[in-house]
């Protein structure tokens, strides 16, 4: 059963995340499986937020946070969770997300088989993530979607709940796994662990602003929108494009500052842990190039998504692999990626 459960988790990963399917296999064993399971559990939480009707979300968030503690009787409660969640999906929910939630028992059985040092960071992450998502959604419990967050502070709090806490979890997993991470490095990693996750999430919000609007939600700060004479209903209008780009540029500055700290986080990982370094370098450099791509680009508010092309992704992977052991070379590449034009692939 353990081998079957592990196979399910490894097979699900590329179906629900292209980025993590690229970098998780670089991790040394058993960290690769630990992070795979950790990602899938947090992705189940994301699916509760994105794909389920709001009325039962609070109950399901609470149930998931309790399930990952793996207290006696968890399998029966997990089956109840799957039945309830399965009845609450919105129309058109992605097939892979539906299948992942249906496989919650399998994912949790794999979690139970992991080394004991993996359990506390994962359980803490899911508890904070589920509680935070529920907190954000609570003000929209009348089935209305989130159409803007009150202010930048709330936007950053949302980024913490969905990504910053993941940075904390990953840091504790890295530390538990690697004897090369000494006490001084542990302190530096923990100091920057939140911003590592938040930087990637901020970049995603700025890249996906139009896609989110088309799906009926918005994560931009309402107070900053109001200062530019905008609201969610007017944010993507061509007649308001100049105002929208001014708002977008302000938030790019916030994201760029976070990415600078995320680089410091990554370079704190010892060079004799190249797999962990590359695990962090891939999404970091994808984010840096993506931010450069959307910065000042009005197309970010058009229906066709703006994203890095496959060739650019492969190039970044190759360049980071070549430079993984050199902090100076990685800093130079980071600076280069922050200013050079990027390849754009817009799917229409």
Protein backbone atom coordinates (compact mmCIF):
# COMPACT_ATOMS: atom_id res chain seq x y z
CA UNK A 1 0.00 0.00 0.00
CA UNK A 2 2.84 2.43 0.83
CA UNK A 3 4.39 2.03 -2.63
CA UNK A 4 1.01 2.54 -4.29
CA UNK A 5 0.35 5.65 -2.18
CA UNK A 6 3.75 7.09 -3.01
CA UNK A 7 3.18 6.43 -6.72
CA UNK A 8 -0.14 8.27 -6.59
CA UNK A 9 1.51 11.32 -4.99
CA UNK A 10 4.35 11.41 -7.49
CA UNK A 11 1.93 11.02 -10.40
CA UNK A 12 -0.37 13.77 -9.13
CA UNK A 13 2.39 16.35 -8.77
CA UNK A 14 2.85 17.27 -12.47
CA UNK A 15 -0.93 17.30 -12.94
CA UNK A 16 -1.44 20.08 -10.39
CA UNK A 17 1.83 22.02 -10.67
CA UNK A 18 4.18 22.45 -13.60
CA UNK A 19 6.76 24.43 -11.62
CA UNK A 20 7.04 22.07 -8.67
CA UNK A 21 7.14 19.09 -11.02
CA UNK A 22 10.38 20.62 -12.35
CA UNK A 23 12.17 21.36 -9.09
CA UNK A 24 10.99 18.80 -6.51
CA UNK A 25 12.74 15.88 -8.30
CA UNK A 26 16.03 17.74 -7.77
CA UNK A 27 15.77 17.32 -4.00
CA UNK A 28 17.69 14.48 -2.33
CA UNK A 29 15.73 11.54 -0.94
CA UNK A 30 13.68 11.39 1.21
CA UNK A 31 13.24 15.16 1.04
CA UNK A 32 11.82 14.90 -2.46
CA UNK A 33 8.90 12.77 -1.28
CA UNK A 34 8.43 14.86 1.87
CA UNK A 35 8.09 18.06 -0.16
CA UNK A 36 5.87 16.34 -2.73
CA UNK A 37 3.42 15.33 -0.01
CA UNK A 38 3.68 18.73 1.68
CA UNK A 39 2.86 20.43 -1.61
CA UNK A 40 -0.12 18.17 -2.31
CA UNK A 41 -1.60 18.76 1.14
CA UNK A 42 -1.31 22.53 0.74
CA UNK A 43 -2.73 22.23 -2.78
CA UNK A 44 -5.80 20.52 -1.31
CA UNK A 45 -6.20 23.60 0.90
CA UNK A 46 -5.84 25.86 -2.16
CA UNK A 47 -8.52 23.83 -3.93
CA UNK A 48 -10.94 24.34 -1.05
CA UNK A 49 -10.46 28.09 -1.52
CA UNK A 50 -10.56 28.20 -5.31
CA UNK A 51 -12.96 25.49 -6.42
CA UNK A 52 -15.53 24.89 -3.67
CA UNK A 53 -18.71 26.77 -2.85
CA UNK A 54 -18.03 29.17 0.05
CA UNK A 55 -20.83 27.90 2.30
CA UNK A 56 -18.90 24.83 3.50
CA UNK A 57 -15.37 26.15 3.24
CA UNK A 58 -14.96 27.00 6.94
CA UNK A 59 -15.95 23.48 7.96
CA UNK A 60 -13.64 21.90 5.40
CA UNK A 61 -10.68 24.14 6.22
CA UNK A 62 -11.03 23.17 9.87
CA UNK A 63 -11.37 19.49 9.01
CA UNK A 64 -8.22 19.50 6.86
CA UNK A 65 -6.19 21.28 9.55
CA UNK A 66 -7.24 18.57 12.01
CA UNK A 67 -6.67 15.69 9.60
CA UNK A 68 -2.99 16.47 9.00
CA UNK A 69 -2.35 15.94 12.71
CA UNK A 70 -2.99 12.23 11.98
CA UNK A 71 -4.71 11.61 15.30
CA UNK A 72 -6.28 8.14 15.83
CA UNK A 73 -9.29 7.58 13.60
CA UNK A 74 -8.09 10.04 10.96
CA UNK A 75 -8.79 7.71 8.02
CA UNK A 76 -12.53 7.54 8.71
CA UNK A 77 -12.66 11.30 9.18
CA UNK A 78 -10.70 11.77 5.95
CA UNK A 79 -13.25 9.70 4.04
CA UNK A 80 -16.00 11.94 5.45
CA UNK A 81 -13.97 14.97 4.36
CA UNK A 82 -13.69 13.61 0.82
CA UNK A 83 -17.44 12.94 0.59
CA UNK A 84 -18.34 16.41 1.82
CA UNK A 85 -15.77 18.20 -0.35
CA UNK A 86 -16.80 16.18 -3.39
CA UNK A 87 -20.35 17.49 -3.11
CA UNK A 88 -19.27 21.14 -2.95
CA UNK A 89 -17.19 21.65 -6.10
CA UNK A 90 -18.10 24.53 -8.36
CA UNK A 91 -19.09 23.70 -11.93
CA UNK A 92 -16.03 23.43 -14.16
CA UNK A 93 -13.52 22.64 -11.41
CA UNK A 94 -10.29 21.24 -12.95
CA UNK A 95 -10.30 17.46 -13.16
CA UNK A 96 -6.87 17.14 -11.54
CA UNK A 97 -7.95 19.21 -8.52
CA UNK A 98 -11.06 17.09 -8.10
CA UNK A 99 -8.98 13.92 -8.28
CA UNK A 100 -6.48 15.26 -5.77
CA UNK A 101 -9.17 16.00 -3.20
CA UNK A 102 -10.68 12.58 -3.86
CA UNK A 103 -7.24 11.12 -3.07
CA UNK A 104 -6.90 12.90 0.29
CA UNK A 105 -6.78 9.59 2.18
CA UNK A 106 -3.94 8.38 -0.04
CA UNK A 107 -1.98 11.61 0.40
CA UNK A 108 -2.41 11.45 4.18
CA UNK A 109 -1.37 7.80 4.31
CA UNK A 110 1.83 8.82 2.53
CA UNK A 111 2.26 11.67 5.01
CA UNK A 112 1.94 9.16 7.86
CA UNK A 113 4.75 7.06 6.31
CA UNK A 114 7.22 9.96 6.19
CA UNK A 115 10.04 10.48 8.73
CA UNK A 116 8.79 11.92 12.01
CA UNK A 117 10.73 15.18 11.51
CA UNK A 118 8.49 16.01 8.54
CA UNK A 119 5.20 15.93 10.41
CA UNK A 120 5.28 19.04 12.67
CA UNK A 121 6.25 21.59 9.96
CA UNK A 122 3.62 20.25 7.55
CA UNK A 123 0.87 20.16 10.19
CA UNK A 124 1.70 23.70 11.31
CA UNK A 125 1.71 24.99 7.74
CA UNK A 126 -1.69 23.51 6.91
CA UNK A 127 -3.20 24.76 10.16
CA UNK A 128 -2.05 28.34 9.52
CA UNK A 129 -2.89 28.21 5.82
CA UNK A 130 -6.39 26.83 6.32
CA UNK A 131 -7.10 29.22 9.18
CA UNK A 132 -5.82 32.21 7.23
CA UNK A 133 -7.76 31.36 4.08
CA UNK A 134 -10.88 30.96 6.17
CA UNK A 135 -10.21 34.34 7.78
CA UNK A 136 -9.88 36.03 4.37
CA UNK A 137 -13.00 34.30 3.04
CA UNK A 138 -15.09 34.94 6.17
CA UNK A 139 -16.04 38.45 5.12
CA UNK A 140 -17.35 36.95 1.85
CA UNK A 141 -19.31 34.10 3.41
CA UNK A 142 -22.51 35.14 1.63
CA UNK A 143 -21.20 33.37 -1.48
CA UNK A 144 -19.62 36.51 -2.90
CA UNK A 145 -16.05 36.06 -4.22
CA UNK A 146 -13.13 38.11 -2.94
CA UNK A 147 -13.14 41.24 -5.06
CA UNK A 148 -10.19 43.10 -3.64
CA UNK A 149 -8.47 43.13 -0.25
CA UNK A 150 -8.79 46.19 2.01
CA UNK A 151 -5.18 47.37 1.86
CA UNK A 152 -1.60 46.37 1.11
CA UNK A 153 -1.16 44.99 4.62
CA UNK A 154 -4.09 42.62 4.10
CA UNK A 155 -2.72 41.67 0.69
CA UNK A 156 0.59 40.77 2.31
CA UNK A 157 -1.26 38.84 5.03
CA UNK A 158 -3.01 36.86 2.30
CA UNK A 159 0.37 36.18 0.69
CA UNK A 160 1.63 34.92 4.05
CA UNK A 161 -1.31 32.56 4.49
CA UNK A 162 -0.93 30.99 1.04
CA UNK A 163 2.84 31.20 0.48
CA UNK A 164 4.84 32.79 3.29
CA UNK A 165 3.91 29.99 5.67
CA UNK A 166 5.03 27.53 2.98
CA UNK A 167 8.43 29.24 3.05
CA UNK A 168 8.55 28.66 6.81
CA UNK A 169 7.60 25.00 6.36
CA UNK A 170 10.19 24.37 3.65
CA UNK A 171 12.88 25.99 5.78
CA UNK A 172 12.19 23.67 8.69
CA UNK A 173 12.19 20.66 6.37
CA UNK A 174 15.52 21.72 4.84
CA UNK A 175 17.03 22.23 8.29
CA UNK A 176 15.77 18.89 9.58
CA UNK A 177 17.15 17.07 6.55
CA UNK A 178 20.55 18.71 6.03
CA UNK A 179 23.40 18.58 8.57
CA UNK A 180 25.22 21.15 6.40
CA UNK A 181 22.85 23.90 7.52
CA UNK A 182 24.59 25.09 10.68
CA UNK A 183 23.13 27.29 13.40
CA UNK A 184 24.15 30.57 11.76
CA UNK A 185 22.58 29.57 8.45
CA UNK A 186 19.45 28.35 10.24
CA UNK A 187 18.96 31.77 11.79
CA UNK A 188 19.42 33.57 8.46
CA UNK A 189 17.08 31.19 6.63
CA UNK A 190 14.36 31.53 9.25
CA UNK A 191 14.62 35.32 9.12
CA UNK A 192 13.92 35.33 5.36
CA UNK A 193 11.71 32.24 5.03
CA UNK A 194 8.43 34.16 4.92
CA UNK A 195 9.54 36.67 2.30
CA UNK A 196 10.78 33.86 0.05
CA UNK A 197 7.24 32.52 -0.29
CA UNK A 198 5.59 35.92 -0.35
CA UNK A 199 7.83 37.15 -3.19
CA UNK A 200 6.68 34.32 -5.44
CA UNK A 201 3.02 34.87 -4.53
CA UNK A 202 3.17 38.62 -5.15
CA UNK A 203 4.64 37.96 -8.57
CA UNK A 204 1.85 35.50 -9.38
CA UNK A 205 -0.81 38.01 -8.36
CA UNK A 206 0.69 40.67 -10.61
CA UNK A 207 1.03 38.22 -13.50
CA UNK A 208 -2.45 36.74 -13.13
CA UNK A 209 -4.43 39.89 -12.37
CA UNK A 210 -6.58 39.63 -15.51
CA UNK A 211 -7.07 35.87 -15.19
CA UNK A 212 -8.25 36.34 -11.61
CA UNK A 213 -10.68 39.06 -12.68
CA UNK A 214 -12.06 36.82 -15.42
CA UNK A 215 -12.60 34.11 -12.79
CA UNK A 216 -14.50 36.53 -10.59
CA UNK A 217 -11.90 37.38 -7.95
CA UNK A 218 -9.30 40.03 -7.22
CA UNK A 219 -6.41 40.12 -4.74
CA UNK A 220 -5.34 43.72 -5.32
CA UNK A 221 -5.52 46.27 -2.45
CA UNK A 222 -8.73 48.33 -2.56
CA UNK A 223 -7.20 51.39 -0.91
CA UNK A 224 -4.47 51.64 -3.57
CA UNK A 225 -7.06 51.03 -6.30
CA UNK A 226 -9.21 53.84 -4.93
CA UNK A 227 -6.26 56.26 -4.96
CA UNK A 228 -6.05 55.66 -8.72
CA UNK A 229 -9.81 55.98 -9.23
CA UNK A 230 -10.21 52.24 -9.78
CA UNK A 231 -12.33 49.40 -8.50
CA UNK A 232 -12.34 45.74 -9.50
CA UNK A 233 -15.03 46.33 -12.15
CA UNK A 234 -12.94 49.01 -13.92
CA UNK A 235 -9.45 47.63 -13.37
CA UNK A 236 -9.18 45.93 -16.77
CA UNK A 237 -11.08 48.49 -18.86
CA UNK A 238 -8.99 49.86 -21.76
CA UNK A 239 -10.18 53.37 -20.87
CA UNK A 240 -8.56 52.98 -17.42
CA UNK A 241 -5.36 51.33 -18.62
CA UNK A 242 -3.03 54.18 -17.63
CA UNK A 243 -4.40 54.23 -14.08
CA UNK A 244 -4.26 50.45 -13.82
CA UNK A 245 -0.63 50.40 -14.97
CA UNK A 246 0.31 53.06 -12.39
CA UNK A 247 -1.20 50.87 -9.66
CA UNK A 248 0.48 47.77 -11.07
CA UNK A 249 3.87 49.50 -11.16
CA UNK A 250 3.59 50.47 -7.49
CA UNK A 251 3.05 46.83 -6.55
CA UNK A 252 5.87 45.65 -8.82
CA UNK A 253 8.22 47.69 -6.62
CA UNK A 254 6.97 45.77 -3.55
CA UNK A 255 7.43 42.44 -5.30
CA UNK A 256 10.89 43.31 -6.60
CA UNK A 257 12.06 44.19 -3.11
CA UNK A 258 10.76 40.84 -1.84
CA UNK A 259 12.53 38.97 -4.64
CA UNK A 260 15.83 40.61 -3.68
CA UNK A 261 15.42 39.15 -0.17
CA UNK A 262 14.42 35.80 -1.64
CA UNK A 263 17.76 35.68 -3.44
CA UNK A 264 19.56 36.24 -0.13
CA UNK A 265 17.51 33.39 1.35
CA UNK A 266 18.49 31.03 -1.45
CA UNK A 267 22.18 31.86 -1.30
CA UNK A 268 22.17 31.07 2.42
CA UNK A 269 21.64 27.40 1.52
CA UNK A 270 25.07 25.67 1.55
CA UNK A 271 26.68 25.00 -1.81
CA UNK A 272 27.06 21.33 -0.88
CA UNK A 273 23.26 21.07 -1.07
CA UNK A 274 22.87 21.75 -4.82
CA UNK A 275 19.49 20.02 -5.01
CA UNK A 276 17.96 22.26 -2.32
CA UNK A 277 19.58 25.31 -3.92
CA UNK A 278 18.15 24.50 -7.34
CA UNK A 279 14.77 23.74 -5.82
CA UNK A 280 14.70 27.39 -4.70
CA UNK A 281 16.54 28.88 -7.68
CA UNK A 282 14.14 27.64 -10.35
CA UNK A 283 10.96 29.36 -9.07
CA UNK A 284 12.96 32.40 -7.95
CA UNK A 285 14.44 33.03 -11.39
CA UNK A 286 11.13 32.25 -13.09
CA UNK A 287 9.57 34.92 -10.87
CA UNK A 288 12.32 37.47 -11.53
CA UNK A 289 11.95 37.11 -15.29
CA UNK A 290 8.16 37.10 -15.04
CA UNK A 291 8.18 40.32 -13.04
CA UNK A 292 10.48 41.91 -15.59
CA UNK A 293 8.10 40.74 -18.29
CA UNK A 294 4.96 42.27 -16.75
CA UNK A 295 6.59 45.44 -15.41
CA UNK A 296 5.18 48.32 -17.45
CA UNK A 297 3.49 45.90 -19.86
CA UNK A 298 -0.17 46.87 -20.51
CA UNK A 299 -0.80 43.38 -21.94
CA UNK A 300 -0.99 42.10 -18.37
CA UNK A 301 -4.56 43.45 -18.32
CA UNK A 302 -5.51 41.81 -21.64
CA UNK A 303 -7.43 38.50 -21.81
CA UNK A 304 -4.51 36.50 -23.27
CA UNK A 305 -2.11 35.51 -20.46
CA UNK A 306 1.43 36.83 -20.50
CA UNK A 307 3.99 34.25 -19.43
CA UNK A 308 7.49 32.97 -19.99
CA UNK A 309 7.93 30.73 -22.99
CA UNK A 310 9.17 27.17 -22.72
CA UNK A 311 12.55 28.01 -24.25
CA UNK A 312 13.10 30.74 -21.68
CA UNK A 313 12.16 28.40 -18.85
CA UNK A 314 14.63 25.79 -20.10
CA UNK A 315 17.34 28.45 -20.49
CA UNK A 316 16.88 29.62 -16.91
CA UNK A 317 17.07 26.05 -15.65
CA UNK A 318 20.32 25.48 -17.54
CA UNK A 319 21.88 28.76 -16.39
CA UNK A 320 21.06 28.20 -12.73
CA UNK A 321 22.40 24.63 -12.92
CA UNK A 322 25.69 25.93 -14.34
CA UNK A 323 26.01 28.59 -11.62
CA UNK A 324 24.51 26.75 -8.63
CA UNK A 325 27.79 26.65 -6.66
CA UNK A 326 28.76 30.31 -7.22
CA UNK A 327 27.01 33.07 -5.28
CA UNK A 328 28.72 35.75 -7.37
CA UNK A 329 27.62 34.15 -10.64
CA UNK A 330 24.05 33.77 -9.38
CA UNK A 331 23.90 37.40 -8.25
CA UNK A 332 25.14 38.51 -11.66
CA UNK A 333 22.53 36.35 -13.38
CA UNK A 334 19.84 37.71 -11.08
CA UNK A 335 20.78 41.29 -12.02
CA UNK A 336 20.80 40.36 -15.70
CA UNK A 337 17.38 38.72 -15.49
CA UNK A 338 15.96 41.76 -13.76
CA UNK A 339 16.72 44.05 -16.66
CA UNK A 340 16.79 42.06 -19.91
CA UNK A 341 13.72 41.62 -22.14
CA UNK A 342 12.13 38.19 -21.78
CA UNK A 343 10.59 35.80 -24.23
CA UNK A 344 6.82 36.08 -24.17
CA UNK A 345 4.42 33.30 -24.96
CA UNK A 346 0.84 34.48 -25.04
CA UNK A 347 -1.78 31.77 -25.45
CA UNK A 348 -4.87 32.96 -27.21
